[in-house]
N, C-alpha and C. Protein backbone atom coordinates (compact mmCIF):
# COMPACT_ATOMS: atom_id res chain seq x y z
N MET A 1 -13.99 -14.99 -27.75
CA MET A 1 -12.80 -15.98 -28.39
C MET A 1 -11.55 -15.27 -28.15
N MET A 2 -11.23 -14.07 -28.01
CA MET A 2 -9.88 -13.55 -27.80
C MET A 2 -9.44 -13.83 -26.55
N SER A 3 -10.37 -14.27 -25.31
CA SER A 3 -10.00 -14.64 -24.13
C SER A 3 -9.46 -16.04 -24.19
N ILE A 4 -9.77 -17.13 -25.28
CA ILE A 4 -9.25 -18.41 -25.21
C ILE A 4 -8.31 -18.31 -26.18
N PHE A 5 -8.06 -17.24 -26.94
CA PHE A 5 -6.57 -17.32 -27.53
C PHE A 5 -5.58 -16.75 -26.65
N ARG A 6 -5.88 -15.88 -25.84
CA ARG A 6 -4.64 -15.51 -25.00
C ARG A 6 -4.36 -16.46 -24.06
N ARG A 7 -5.28 -17.37 -23.71
CA ARG A 7 -4.86 -18.63 -22.89
C ARG A 7 -4.10 -19.60 -23.42
N LEU A 8 -4.23 -19.58 -24.94
CA LEU A 8 -3.48 -20.63 -25.51
C LEU A 8 -2.30 -20.10 -25.85
N MET A 9 -1.88 -18.88 -25.97
CA MET A 9 -0.65 -18.22 -26.38
C MET A 9 0.46 -18.32 -25.06
N PRO A 10 1.62 -18.36 -25.23
CA PRO A 10 2.17 -18.34 -24.24
C PRO A 10 2.56 -16.82 -23.59
N ARG A 11 2.73 -16.62 -22.06
CA ARG A 11 2.53 -15.48 -21.36
C ARG A 11 3.94 -15.11 -20.99
N GLU A 12 3.77 -13.72 -20.60
CA GLU A 12 5.01 -12.95 -20.27
C GLU A 12 4.85 -12.73 -18.56
N ASP A 13 5.53 -14.19 -18.23
CA ASP A 13 5.36 -14.28 -16.55
C ASP A 13 6.23 -13.28 -16.03
N LYS A 14 7.20 -12.89 -16.37
CA LYS A 14 8.02 -11.85 -15.95
C LYS A 14 7.05 -10.82 -15.06
N PHE A 15 6.16 -10.68 -15.44
CA PHE A 15 5.26 -9.67 -14.55
C PHE A 15 5.20 -9.92 -13.01
N PHE A 16 5.06 -11.32 -12.93
CA PHE A 16 4.94 -11.61 -11.72
C PHE A 16 5.86 -11.43 -10.82
N GLU A 17 7.12 -11.67 -11.35
CA GLU A 17 8.24 -11.50 -10.59
C GLU A 17 8.50 -10.14 -10.31
N MET A 18 8.20 -9.09 -11.18
CA MET A 18 8.24 -7.89 -10.88
C MET A 18 7.35 -7.21 -9.86
N PHE A 19 6.03 -7.74 -10.08
CA PHE A 19 4.98 -7.62 -8.97
C PHE A 19 5.57 -7.93 -7.78
N SER A 20 6.22 -9.10 -7.58
CA SER A 20 6.62 -9.46 -6.21
C SER A 20 7.59 -8.86 -5.82
N THR A 21 8.59 -8.45 -6.51
CA THR A 21 9.60 -7.73 -6.14
C THR A 21 8.92 -6.13 -5.31
N HIS A 22 8.31 -5.85 -6.20
CA HIS A 22 7.32 -4.45 -5.92
C HIS A 22 6.82 -4.72 -4.35
N SER A 23 6.20 -5.83 -4.41
CA SER A 23 5.40 -5.87 -3.15
C SER A 23 6.19 -6.25 -1.97
N ARG A 24 7.42 -6.89 -2.28
CA ARG A 24 8.12 -6.88 -0.94
C ARG A 24 8.96 -5.83 -0.50
N THR A 25 8.97 -4.69 -1.42
CA THR A 25 9.46 -3.59 -1.21
C THR A 25 8.78 -2.78 -0.21
N VAL A 26 7.20 -2.86 -0.93
CA VAL A 26 6.11 -2.15 0.10
C VAL A 26 6.13 -2.69 1.48
N VAL A 27 6.28 -4.06 1.68
CA VAL A 27 6.25 -4.77 2.97
C VAL A 27 7.27 -4.12 3.61
N ALA A 28 8.67 -4.05 3.10
CA ALA A 28 9.68 -3.52 3.91
C ALA A 28 9.65 -2.18 4.33
N ALA A 29 8.92 -1.29 3.41
CA ALA A 29 8.60 0.16 3.79
C ALA A 29 7.39 -0.01 5.04
N ALA A 30 6.66 -0.72 4.77
CA ALA A 30 5.58 -0.59 5.81
C ALA A 30 6.00 -0.75 7.39
N HIS A 31 6.83 -1.84 7.47
CA HIS A 31 7.36 -2.31 8.49
C HIS A 31 8.63 -1.22 8.95
N ALA A 32 9.29 -0.35 7.93
CA ALA A 32 10.14 0.61 8.48
C ALA A 32 9.03 1.74 9.02
N LEU A 33 7.82 2.13 8.32
CA LEU A 33 7.01 3.08 8.84
C LEU A 33 6.33 2.52 10.22
N ASP A 34 6.20 1.36 10.49
CA ASP A 34 5.71 0.91 11.63
C ASP A 34 6.54 1.21 12.67
N GLU A 35 7.94 1.00 12.47
CA GLU A 35 9.01 1.19 13.80
C GLU A 35 9.35 2.70 13.72
N LEU A 36 9.28 3.51 12.82
CA LEU A 36 9.42 4.88 13.06
C LEU A 36 8.37 5.16 14.02
N LEU A 37 7.05 4.96 13.66
CA LEU A 37 5.98 5.62 14.65
C LEU A 37 6.04 5.04 16.11
N LYS A 38 6.55 3.73 16.25
CA LYS A 38 6.88 3.51 17.57
C LYS A 38 8.37 4.27 18.08
N GLY A 39 8.76 5.19 17.42
CA GLY A 39 9.95 5.77 18.02
C GLY A 39 11.07 5.38 17.91
N ASN A 40 11.46 4.34 17.18
CA ASN A 40 12.46 3.51 16.71
C ASN A 40 13.23 3.90 15.85
N ASP A 41 14.54 4.46 15.95
CA ASP A 41 15.47 5.11 14.93
C ASP A 41 14.63 5.79 13.70
N VAL A 42 13.72 6.95 14.11
CA VAL A 42 12.92 7.38 13.19
C VAL A 42 13.69 7.74 12.06
N GLU A 43 14.77 8.64 12.29
CA GLU A 43 15.68 9.37 10.93
C GLU A 43 16.11 8.13 9.87
N LYS A 44 16.61 6.99 10.91
CA LYS A 44 16.97 5.99 10.06
C LYS A 44 16.00 5.56 9.32
N ASN A 45 14.78 4.90 9.76
CA ASN A 45 13.72 4.57 9.34
C ASN A 45 12.88 5.49 8.05
N CYS A 46 13.19 6.77 8.25
CA CYS A 46 12.61 7.65 7.42
C CYS A 46 13.52 7.78 6.01
N LYS A 47 14.92 7.53 6.24
CA LYS A 47 15.62 7.27 5.14
C LYS A 47 15.62 6.07 4.31
N ARG A 48 15.24 4.83 5.04
CA ARG A 48 14.92 3.58 4.48
C ARG A 48 13.78 3.86 3.67
N ILE A 49 12.62 4.31 4.04
CA ILE A 49 11.37 4.56 3.41
C ILE A 49 11.86 5.40 2.05
N VAL A 50 12.71 6.24 2.16
CA VAL A 50 13.13 7.19 0.99
C VAL A 50 13.58 6.09 -0.22
N VAL A 51 14.32 5.54 0.28
CA VAL A 51 15.31 4.58 -0.75
C VAL A 51 14.20 3.45 -1.09
N LEU A 52 13.40 2.99 -0.26
CA LEU A 52 12.41 1.94 -0.88
C LEU A 52 11.54 2.61 -1.58
N GLU A 53 11.36 3.74 -1.51
CA GLU A 53 10.16 4.36 -2.52
C GLU A 53 10.58 4.57 -3.87
N SER A 54 11.92 4.88 -3.94
CA SER A 54 12.78 4.93 -5.15
C SER A 54 12.90 3.63 -5.91
N GLU A 55 13.42 2.54 -4.99
CA GLU A 55 13.40 1.26 -5.50
C GLU A 55 12.01 0.78 -6.48
N ALA A 56 10.84 1.04 -5.65
CA ALA A 56 9.55 0.88 -6.13
C ALA A 56 9.18 1.40 -7.10
N ASP A 57 9.78 2.86 -7.57
CA ASP A 57 9.43 3.69 -8.72
C ASP A 57 10.14 2.78 -9.94
N ASP A 58 11.12 2.16 -9.76
CA ASP A 58 12.14 1.56 -10.58
C ASP A 58 11.45 0.55 -11.16
N VAL A 59 10.79 -0.21 -10.30
CA VAL A 59 10.04 -1.49 -10.49
C VAL A 59 8.79 -1.08 -11.33
N THR A 60 7.89 -0.04 -10.85
CA THR A 60 6.84 0.49 -11.79
C THR A 60 7.26 0.70 -13.03
N ARG A 61 8.31 1.77 -13.46
CA ARG A 61 8.76 2.11 -14.64
C ARG A 61 9.02 0.76 -15.53
N GLU A 62 9.88 -0.30 -15.04
CA GLU A 62 9.95 -1.52 -15.69
C GLU A 62 8.62 -2.27 -16.20
N VAL A 63 7.67 -2.10 -15.32
CA VAL A 63 6.45 -3.02 -15.56
C VAL A 63 5.85 -2.21 -16.63
N LEU A 64 5.85 -0.90 -16.63
CA LEU A 64 5.14 -0.25 -17.56
C LEU A 64 5.64 -0.20 -18.75
N LEU A 65 7.40 -0.38 -18.93
CA LEU A 65 7.90 -0.75 -20.18
C LEU A 65 7.51 -1.96 -20.61
N ALA A 66 7.26 -2.94 -19.89
CA ALA A 66 7.30 -4.27 -20.33
C ALA A 66 5.65 -4.51 -21.02
N VAL A 67 4.77 -3.99 -20.44
CA VAL A 67 3.40 -3.72 -20.78
C VAL A 67 3.38 -3.22 -22.57
N ARG A 68 4.31 -2.35 -22.36
CA ARG A 68 4.41 -1.82 -23.91
C ARG A 68 5.07 -2.69 -25.02
N ARG A 69 6.14 -3.37 -24.37
CA ARG A 69 6.86 -4.26 -25.30
C ARG A 69 6.49 -5.90 -25.55
N SER A 70 5.61 -6.15 -24.42
CA SER A 70 5.24 -7.58 -24.67
C SER A 70 3.76 -7.78 -25.53
N PHE A 71 4.13 -8.80 -26.21
CA PHE A 71 2.86 -9.31 -27.13
C PHE A 71 1.81 -9.74 -26.37
N ILE A 72 1.89 -10.72 -25.44
CA ILE A 72 0.91 -11.34 -24.58
C ILE A 72 1.45 -11.06 -23.34
N THR A 73 0.31 -10.62 -22.64
CA THR A 73 0.32 -10.48 -21.23
C THR A 73 -0.47 -11.41 -20.52
N PRO A 74 -0.45 -11.78 -19.04
CA PRO A 74 -0.85 -12.62 -18.42
C PRO A 74 -2.41 -12.21 -18.39
N PHE A 75 -2.80 -10.90 -17.97
CA PHE A 75 -4.12 -10.41 -18.15
C PHE A 75 -4.11 -8.98 -18.75
N ASP A 76 -5.24 -8.25 -18.71
CA ASP A 76 -5.72 -7.03 -19.63
C ASP A 76 -4.25 -6.16 -19.44
N ARG A 77 -3.76 -5.67 -20.22
CA ARG A 77 -2.92 -4.44 -19.92
C ARG A 77 -3.35 -3.16 -19.38
N GLY A 78 -4.52 -3.06 -19.36
CA GLY A 78 -4.94 -1.83 -18.60
C GLY A 78 -5.17 -2.20 -16.85
N ASP A 79 -5.24 -3.66 -16.68
CA ASP A 79 -5.42 -4.00 -15.30
C ASP A 79 -3.76 -4.14 -14.84
N ILE A 80 -2.89 -4.26 -15.56
CA ILE A 80 -1.41 -4.68 -15.27
C ILE A 80 -1.30 -2.99 -14.52
N LYS A 81 -1.38 -2.20 -15.76
CA LYS A 81 -1.02 -0.77 -15.22
C LYS A 81 -1.82 -0.22 -13.94
N ASP A 82 -3.06 -0.58 -13.66
CA ASP A 82 -3.67 -0.21 -12.78
C ASP A 82 -3.25 -0.71 -11.52
N LEU A 83 -2.92 -1.96 -11.40
CA LEU A 83 -2.38 -2.66 -10.42
C LEU A 83 -1.10 -2.27 -9.80
N ILE A 84 -0.22 -1.88 -10.59
CA ILE A 84 1.09 -1.67 -10.36
C ILE A 84 1.12 -0.14 -9.84
N GLN A 85 0.17 0.59 -10.68
CA GLN A 85 0.24 1.93 -10.12
C GLN A 85 -0.61 1.79 -8.47
N SER A 86 -1.50 1.36 -8.37
CA SER A 86 -2.21 1.61 -7.37
C SER A 86 -1.01 0.85 -5.88
N MET A 87 -0.27 -0.24 -6.41
CA MET A 87 0.78 -0.62 -5.36
C MET A 87 1.71 0.46 -5.17
N ASP A 88 2.30 1.12 -6.25
CA ASP A 88 3.09 2.25 -6.12
C ASP A 88 2.68 3.40 -5.38
N ASP A 89 1.15 3.74 -5.57
CA ASP A 89 0.56 5.08 -4.91
C ASP A 89 0.67 4.55 -3.32
N ALA A 90 0.40 3.30 -2.73
CA ALA A 90 0.69 3.08 -1.35
C ALA A 90 2.06 3.49 -0.71
N ILE A 91 3.06 3.00 -1.44
CA ILE A 91 4.41 3.45 -0.78
C ILE A 91 4.78 4.99 -1.39
N ASP A 92 4.05 5.41 -2.24
CA ASP A 92 4.40 6.88 -2.31
C ASP A 92 3.54 7.77 -1.11
N MET A 93 2.87 7.16 -0.61
CA MET A 93 1.80 8.05 0.31
C MET A 93 2.63 7.41 1.70
N MET A 94 3.51 6.44 1.85
CA MET A 94 4.21 6.32 3.05
C MET A 94 5.27 7.29 2.87
N HIS A 95 6.05 7.55 1.70
CA HIS A 95 6.96 8.47 1.53
C HIS A 95 6.33 9.82 1.82
N LYS A 96 5.18 10.66 1.41
CA LYS A 96 4.76 11.57 1.82
C LYS A 96 4.58 11.70 3.39
N THR A 97 4.16 10.72 3.93
CA THR A 97 4.32 11.01 5.30
C THR A 97 5.64 11.21 6.11
N VAL A 98 6.44 10.29 5.61
CA VAL A 98 8.06 10.62 5.97
C VAL A 98 8.18 12.48 5.87
N LYS A 99 7.79 12.92 4.74
CA LYS A 99 8.04 14.39 4.46
C LYS A 99 7.26 15.22 5.62
N THR A 100 6.24 14.60 5.79
CA THR A 100 5.47 15.37 6.76
C THR A 100 6.12 15.43 8.33
N ILE A 101 6.83 14.16 8.68
CA ILE A 101 7.42 14.16 9.79
C ILE A 101 8.54 14.51 9.77
N ARG A 102 9.44 14.84 8.84
CA ARG A 102 10.61 15.66 8.70
C ARG A 102 10.23 17.00 8.68
N LEU A 103 9.59 17.36 8.31
CA LEU A 103 9.34 18.82 8.13
C LEU A 103 8.87 19.50 9.38
N PHE A 104 8.22 18.65 10.40
CA PHE A 104 7.93 19.13 11.60
C PHE A 104 8.50 18.45 12.66
N GLU A 105 9.52 17.78 12.11
CA GLU A 105 10.65 17.44 13.22
C GLU A 105 9.89 16.31 14.26
N GLN A 106 9.16 15.48 14.06
CA GLN A 106 8.56 14.94 14.92
C GLN A 106 9.31 13.31 15.15
N SER A 107 9.30 13.05 16.35
CA SER A 107 10.00 11.85 16.90
C SER A 107 9.41 11.13 18.00
N SER A 108 8.14 11.32 17.96
CA SER A 108 7.28 10.42 19.05
C SER A 108 5.99 10.77 18.50
N PHE A 109 5.22 9.62 18.82
CA PHE A 109 3.86 9.50 17.99
C PHE A 109 2.90 8.83 19.05
N ASP A 110 1.53 9.20 18.83
CA ASP A 110 0.46 8.70 19.69
C ASP A 110 0.25 7.42 19.22
N PRO A 111 -0.06 6.71 20.56
CA PRO A 111 -0.32 5.57 20.50
C PRO A 111 -1.22 4.84 19.42
N LEU A 112 -2.24 5.70 19.10
CA LEU A 112 -3.11 5.54 18.12
C LEU A 112 -2.54 5.50 16.48
N MET A 113 -1.63 6.18 16.49
CA MET A 113 -0.77 6.10 15.15
C MET A 113 0.02 5.13 15.31
N GLN A 114 0.59 4.70 16.07
CA GLN A 114 1.09 3.32 16.15
C GLN A 114 0.51 2.21 15.81
N GLN A 115 -0.86 2.22 16.17
CA GLN A 115 -1.66 1.11 15.86
C GLN A 115 -2.00 1.33 14.34
N MET A 116 -2.08 2.46 13.79
CA MET A 116 -2.33 2.52 12.40
C MET A 116 -1.03 1.91 11.86
N GLY A 117 0.28 2.05 12.14
CA GLY A 117 1.11 1.64 11.51
C GLY A 117 1.13 -0.05 11.82
N GLY A 118 0.75 -0.50 12.74
CA GLY A 118 0.24 -2.09 12.68
C GLY A 118 -0.45 -2.39 11.64
N GLU A 119 -1.56 -1.71 11.58
CA GLU A 119 -2.60 -2.14 10.31
C GLU A 119 -2.15 -1.74 8.71
N ILE A 120 -1.03 -0.78 8.82
CA ILE A 120 -0.42 -0.69 7.56
C ILE A 120 0.45 -1.83 7.12
N VAL A 121 0.81 -2.44 8.23
CA VAL A 121 1.96 -3.69 7.66
C VAL A 121 1.03 -4.91 7.49
N LYS A 122 -0.32 -5.11 8.19
CA LYS A 122 -1.16 -5.87 7.98
C LYS A 122 -1.74 -6.06 6.47
N ALA A 123 -1.81 -4.92 5.92
CA ALA A 123 -2.48 -4.40 4.73
C ALA A 123 -1.18 -5.04 3.45
N ALA A 124 -0.18 -4.37 4.01
CA ALA A 124 1.00 -4.58 2.87
C ALA A 124 1.19 -6.36 2.92
N LYS A 125 1.30 -6.81 4.07
CA LYS A 125 1.41 -8.33 3.87
C LYS A 125 0.28 -9.00 3.14
N LEU A 126 -1.10 -8.87 3.20
CA LEU A 126 -1.87 -9.14 2.71
C LEU A 126 -1.63 -9.04 1.09
N VAL A 127 -1.37 -7.79 0.83
CA VAL A 127 -1.12 -7.34 -0.69
C VAL A 127 0.08 -8.53 -0.93
N ALA A 128 1.09 -8.43 -0.25
CA ALA A 128 2.12 -9.40 -0.71
C ALA A 128 1.90 -10.80 -0.75
N GLU A 129 0.86 -11.40 -0.24
CA GLU A 129 0.48 -12.58 -0.34
C GLU A 129 -0.42 -12.84 -1.58
N ALA A 130 -1.08 -11.75 -2.13
CA ALA A 130 -1.92 -11.90 -3.13
C ALA A 130 -1.53 -11.76 -4.36
N ILE A 131 -0.31 -11.28 -4.46
CA ILE A 131 0.30 -10.80 -5.78
C ILE A 131 0.91 -12.25 -6.51
N PRO A 132 1.47 -13.36 -5.76
CA PRO A 132 1.75 -14.27 -6.48
C PRO A 132 0.80 -15.21 -6.95
N LEU A 133 -0.35 -15.24 -6.06
CA LEU A 133 -1.57 -16.09 -6.40
C LEU A 133 -2.10 -15.64 -7.85
N LEU A 134 -1.94 -14.54 -8.15
CA LEU A 134 -2.52 -13.99 -9.57
C LEU A 134 -1.84 -14.78 -10.55
N ASN A 135 -0.79 -15.27 -10.66
CA ASN A 135 -0.27 -16.01 -11.54
C ASN A 135 -1.19 -17.38 -12.03
N ARG A 136 -2.07 -17.81 -10.82
CA ARG A 136 -3.04 -18.89 -11.34
C ARG A 136 -4.53 -18.41 -11.01
N VAL A 137 -4.89 -17.23 -11.47
CA VAL A 137 -6.16 -16.66 -10.81
C VAL A 137 -7.34 -17.54 -10.62
N GLY A 138 -7.76 -18.43 -11.55
CA GLY A 138 -8.81 -19.30 -11.43
C GLY A 138 -8.58 -20.41 -10.20
N ALA A 139 -7.49 -20.94 -10.17
CA ALA A 139 -7.09 -21.91 -8.89
C ALA A 139 -6.97 -21.35 -7.68
N ASN A 140 -6.72 -19.90 -7.82
CA ASN A 140 -6.68 -19.03 -6.29
C ASN A 140 -7.57 -18.11 -5.82
N ALA A 141 -8.77 -18.21 -6.77
CA ALA A 141 -10.01 -17.40 -6.75
C ALA A 141 -10.25 -17.03 -5.26
N GLN A 142 -10.86 -18.13 -4.74
CA GLN A 142 -11.28 -18.07 -3.36
C GLN A 142 -10.55 -17.10 -2.29
N ARG A 143 -8.96 -17.61 -2.51
CA ARG A 143 -8.27 -16.97 -1.34
C ARG A 143 -8.06 -15.55 -1.96
N LEU A 144 -8.00 -15.22 -3.16
CA LEU A 144 -7.56 -13.65 -3.38
C LEU A 144 -9.03 -13.18 -3.30
N SER A 145 -10.26 -13.35 -3.15
CA SER A 145 -11.23 -12.88 -2.88
C SER A 145 -11.00 -12.72 -1.21
N ALA A 146 -10.84 -13.47 -0.56
CA ALA A 146 -10.80 -13.47 1.05
C ALA A 146 -9.89 -12.48 1.39
N ILE A 147 -8.78 -12.42 0.37
CA ILE A 147 -7.47 -11.38 1.09
C ILE A 147 -8.36 -9.86 0.53
N ALA A 148 -8.74 -10.06 -0.34
CA ALA A 148 -9.33 -8.58 -0.97
C ALA A 148 -10.30 -8.14 0.21
N GLU A 149 -11.27 -8.78 0.94
CA GLU A 149 -12.31 -8.73 1.50
C GLU A 149 -11.58 -8.33 3.11
N GLU A 150 -10.27 -9.00 3.62
CA GLU A 150 -9.70 -8.79 4.84
C GLU A 150 -9.00 -7.29 4.89
N VAL A 151 -8.46 -6.95 3.45
CA VAL A 151 -7.97 -5.20 3.43
C VAL A 151 -8.95 -4.81 3.52
N THR A 152 -10.06 -4.97 2.99
CA THR A 152 -11.15 -3.87 3.45
C THR A 152 -11.34 -3.70 4.81
N ARG A 153 -11.37 -4.93 5.27
CA ARG A 153 -11.75 -4.86 6.95
C ARG A 153 -10.31 -3.97 7.60
N VAL A 154 -9.20 -4.20 7.18
CA VAL A 154 -8.04 -3.38 7.74
C VAL A 154 -8.28 -1.93 7.66
N GLU A 155 -8.88 -1.63 6.36
CA GLU A 155 -9.07 -0.29 6.07
C GLU A 155 -10.32 0.36 7.11
N GLY A 156 -11.34 -0.66 7.11
CA GLY A 156 -12.25 -0.19 8.32
C GLY A 156 -11.86 0.22 9.61
N ARG A 157 -10.90 -0.67 10.06
CA ARG A 157 -10.43 -0.64 11.53
C ARG A 157 -9.42 0.64 11.38
N SER A 158 -8.60 1.05 10.20
CA SER A 158 -7.97 2.16 10.31
C SER A 158 -8.75 3.63 10.33
N ASP A 159 -9.90 3.49 9.71
CA ASP A 159 -10.72 4.66 9.58
C ASP A 159 -11.33 4.74 11.18
N GLU A 160 -11.46 3.78 11.90
CA GLU A 160 -11.86 4.00 13.39
C GLU A 160 -10.65 4.73 14.19
N LEU A 161 -9.59 4.20 13.83
CA LEU A 161 -8.51 4.47 14.43
C LEU A 161 -8.07 6.17 14.38
N TYR A 162 -8.51 6.52 12.92
CA TYR A 162 -8.17 7.78 12.39
C TYR A 162 -9.23 8.75 13.45
N ASP A 163 -10.42 8.31 13.09
CA ASP A 163 -11.90 8.98 13.82
C ASP A 163 -11.22 9.36 15.42
N GLN A 164 -10.81 8.20 16.02
CA GLN A 164 -10.50 8.23 17.56
C GLN A 164 -9.34 9.02 17.69
N GLY A 165 -8.28 9.01 16.67
CA GLY A 165 -7.18 9.76 16.87
C GLY A 165 -7.54 11.30 17.10
N LEU A 166 -8.38 11.56 15.92
CA LEU A 166 -8.51 13.22 15.97
C LEU A 166 -9.21 13.37 16.99
N LYS A 167 -10.34 12.65 17.80
CA LYS A 167 -10.72 13.28 18.69
C LYS A 167 -9.79 13.14 20.09
N GLU A 168 -8.84 12.20 20.34
CA GLU A 168 -7.86 12.42 21.15
C GLU A 168 -6.94 13.52 21.04
N LEU A 169 -6.69 13.99 19.79
CA LEU A 169 -6.03 15.27 19.55
C LEU A 169 -6.67 16.38 20.01
N PHE A 170 -8.14 16.55 19.67
CA PHE A 170 -8.70 17.64 19.98
C PHE A 170 -8.91 17.86 21.57
N LEU A 171 -8.83 16.39 22.11
CA LEU A 171 -8.85 16.67 23.64
C LEU A 171 -7.81 17.17 24.35
N HIS A 172 -6.47 16.65 23.76
CA HIS A 172 -5.36 17.22 24.51
C HIS A 172 -4.66 18.33 23.93
N HIS A 173 -4.99 18.61 22.70
CA HIS A 173 -4.31 19.92 22.22
C HIS A 173 -5.32 20.84 22.08
N GLY A 174 -6.42 20.60 21.29
CA GLY A 174 -7.51 21.74 20.87
C GLY A 174 -7.95 22.48 21.82
N ALA A 175 -8.53 21.69 22.74
CA ALA A 175 -9.27 22.44 24.08
C ALA A 175 -8.08 23.14 24.67
N ALA A 176 -6.87 22.79 24.85
CA ALA A 176 -5.73 23.64 25.57
C ALA A 176 -5.18 24.83 24.66
N GLY A 177 -5.64 24.79 23.51
CA GLY A 177 -5.22 26.02 22.55
C GLY A 177 -3.95 25.61 21.93
N ASN A 178 -3.44 24.52 21.91
CA ASN A 178 -2.30 24.16 21.22
C ASN A 178 -2.33 23.99 19.75
N ALA A 179 -2.81 24.83 18.89
CA ALA A 179 -3.35 24.61 17.46
C ALA A 179 -2.49 23.96 16.64
N MET A 180 -1.06 24.33 16.90
CA MET A 180 0.02 23.73 16.10
C MET A 180 0.07 22.28 16.16
N ALA A 181 0.14 21.68 17.64
CA ALA A 181 0.19 20.43 17.77
C ALA A 181 -1.13 19.55 16.97
N TYR A 182 -2.18 20.23 17.32
CA TYR A 182 -3.45 19.38 16.75
C TYR A 182 -3.26 19.33 15.18
N LEU A 183 -2.78 20.55 14.54
CA LEU A 183 -2.62 20.49 13.05
C LEU A 183 -1.69 19.40 12.66
N ILE A 184 -0.54 19.20 13.35
CA ILE A 184 0.51 18.26 12.84
C ILE A 184 0.09 16.96 13.15
N GLY A 185 -0.63 16.71 14.22
CA GLY A 185 -1.18 15.39 14.58
C GLY A 185 -2.35 15.06 13.55
N SER A 186 -2.99 15.98 13.25
CA SER A 186 -4.19 15.43 12.47
C SER A 186 -3.64 15.22 10.98
N GLU A 187 -2.69 16.12 10.59
CA GLU A 187 -2.01 15.81 9.24
C GLU A 187 -1.56 14.49 9.09
N ILE A 188 -0.70 14.08 10.13
CA ILE A 188 0.09 12.60 9.99
C ILE A 188 -1.16 11.55 10.12
N TYR A 189 -2.13 11.91 10.88
CA TYR A 189 -3.33 10.79 10.97
C TYR A 189 -4.00 10.75 9.55
N ALA A 190 -4.34 11.87 9.07
CA ALA A 190 -4.74 11.49 7.48
C ALA A 190 -3.79 11.05 6.56
N GLU A 191 -2.53 11.15 6.79
CA GLU A 191 -1.63 10.79 5.64
C GLU A 191 -1.50 8.97 6.01
N LEU A 192 -1.62 8.63 7.01
CA LEU A 192 -1.51 7.36 7.71
C LEU A 192 -2.93 6.69 6.87
N GLU A 193 -3.88 7.33 7.11
CA GLU A 193 -5.29 6.73 6.80
C GLU A 193 -5.02 6.60 5.32
N LYS A 194 -4.66 7.56 4.56
CA LYS A 194 -4.44 7.39 3.00
C LYS A 194 -3.83 6.50 2.68
N VAL A 195 -2.73 6.21 3.50
CA VAL A 195 -1.77 4.96 2.97
C VAL A 195 -2.71 3.55 2.98
N VAL A 196 -3.56 3.36 3.91
CA VAL A 196 -4.31 2.31 4.11
C VAL A 196 -5.41 2.38 2.86
N ASP A 197 -5.88 3.51 2.78
CA ASP A 197 -6.93 3.61 1.55
C ASP A 197 -5.99 3.20 0.34
N ARG A 198 -4.80 3.50 -0.07
CA ARG A 198 -4.42 2.97 -0.94
C ARG A 198 -4.09 1.51 -1.33
N PHE A 199 -3.85 0.91 -0.10
CA PHE A 199 -3.94 -0.45 0.08
C PHE A 199 -5.36 -1.06 -0.49
N GLU A 200 -6.48 -0.50 0.01
CA GLU A 200 -7.71 -0.86 -0.47
C GLU A 200 -7.90 -0.69 -2.07
N ASP A 201 -7.18 0.19 -2.53
CA ASP A 201 -7.69 0.34 -4.06
C ASP A 201 -6.76 -0.86 -4.53
N VAL A 202 -5.65 -1.24 -4.12
CA VAL A 202 -4.96 -2.29 -4.65
C VAL A 202 -5.80 -3.66 -4.63
N ALA A 203 -6.81 -3.79 -3.49
CA ALA A 203 -7.42 -4.93 -3.19
C ALA A 203 -8.92 -4.85 -3.99
N ASN A 204 -9.18 -3.31 -4.38
CA ASN A 204 -10.01 -3.32 -5.65
C ASN A 204 -9.73 -3.90 -6.94
N GLU A 205 -8.35 -3.53 -7.03
CA GLU A 205 -7.88 -3.83 -8.37
C GLU A 205 -7.65 -5.26 -8.46
N ILE A 206 -7.55 -5.98 -7.44
CA ILE A 206 -7.39 -7.54 -7.27
C ILE A 206 -8.57 -8.11 -7.82
N SER A 207 -9.87 -7.56 -7.10
CA SER A 207 -11.14 -8.01 -7.13
C SER A 207 -11.49 -7.66 -8.83
N GLY A 208 -10.99 -6.70 -9.38
CA GLY A 208 -11.70 -6.71 -10.80
C GLY A 208 -11.01 -7.51 -11.71
N ILE A 209 -9.73 -7.93 -11.60
CA ILE A 209 -8.98 -8.77 -12.24
C ILE A 209 -9.51 -10.29 -12.10
N LEU A 210 -10.05 -10.63 -10.61
CA LEU A 210 -10.83 -11.89 -10.39
C LEU A 210 -12.02 -11.89 -11.31
N ILE A 211 -13.00 -10.63 -11.47
CA ILE A 211 -13.92 -10.57 -12.01
C ILE A 211 -13.92 -10.98 -13.41
N GLU A 212 -12.88 -10.31 -14.02
CA GLU A 212 -12.61 -10.12 -15.50
C GLU A 212 -11.80 -11.67 -16.05
N ASN A 213 -11.24 -12.42 -14.96
CA ASN A 213 -10.47 -13.65 -15.66
C ASN A 213 -10.93 -14.99 -14.98
N VAL A 214 -12.10 -15.02 -13.91
CA VAL A 214 -12.39 -16.22 -13.48
C VAL A 214 -13.87 -16.53 -14.12
């Protein structure tokens, strides 16, 4: 009965505008991360990610405030909070990666790290495609489900790159006794892998919304 009541009442569709703004910010950060991993304007792109992460935090706060103030929300309040926070976790993890890169003054990156950067862009774009579709969950259920599955596949490919990257690090640095290079490289690989994990969390939230609203 409550679900029928919610559908009949006017909704606060401003949530989708805020979600879309956040997702575009995340995509921009993913592109900046991809570029810096290619060695292009590393410090400039680090700064860009820091700025974008701050902008994303602002949007997240707006969403959480709107949840408290809105009488009718497009779907469950808890789902709204979990969705925006999982999206924000992805860009937060990019920011953490930047902190590590700056801490250890890295300016060049392994080819497999660069490939992981490409996977992060794919995941970000998939999420950005999914977000506007949530405005009509029922009509877009099939595509939303397909996007969630594709994000999971991206995460699987990233796991493989992560494992392969650690192996390459050991072969090049571990066996040569360069422990610091191995530790720095493994930390960057781990953080890149966590970025993609956070996108999988977003996909899981989308799947949960589908289950509850279709």
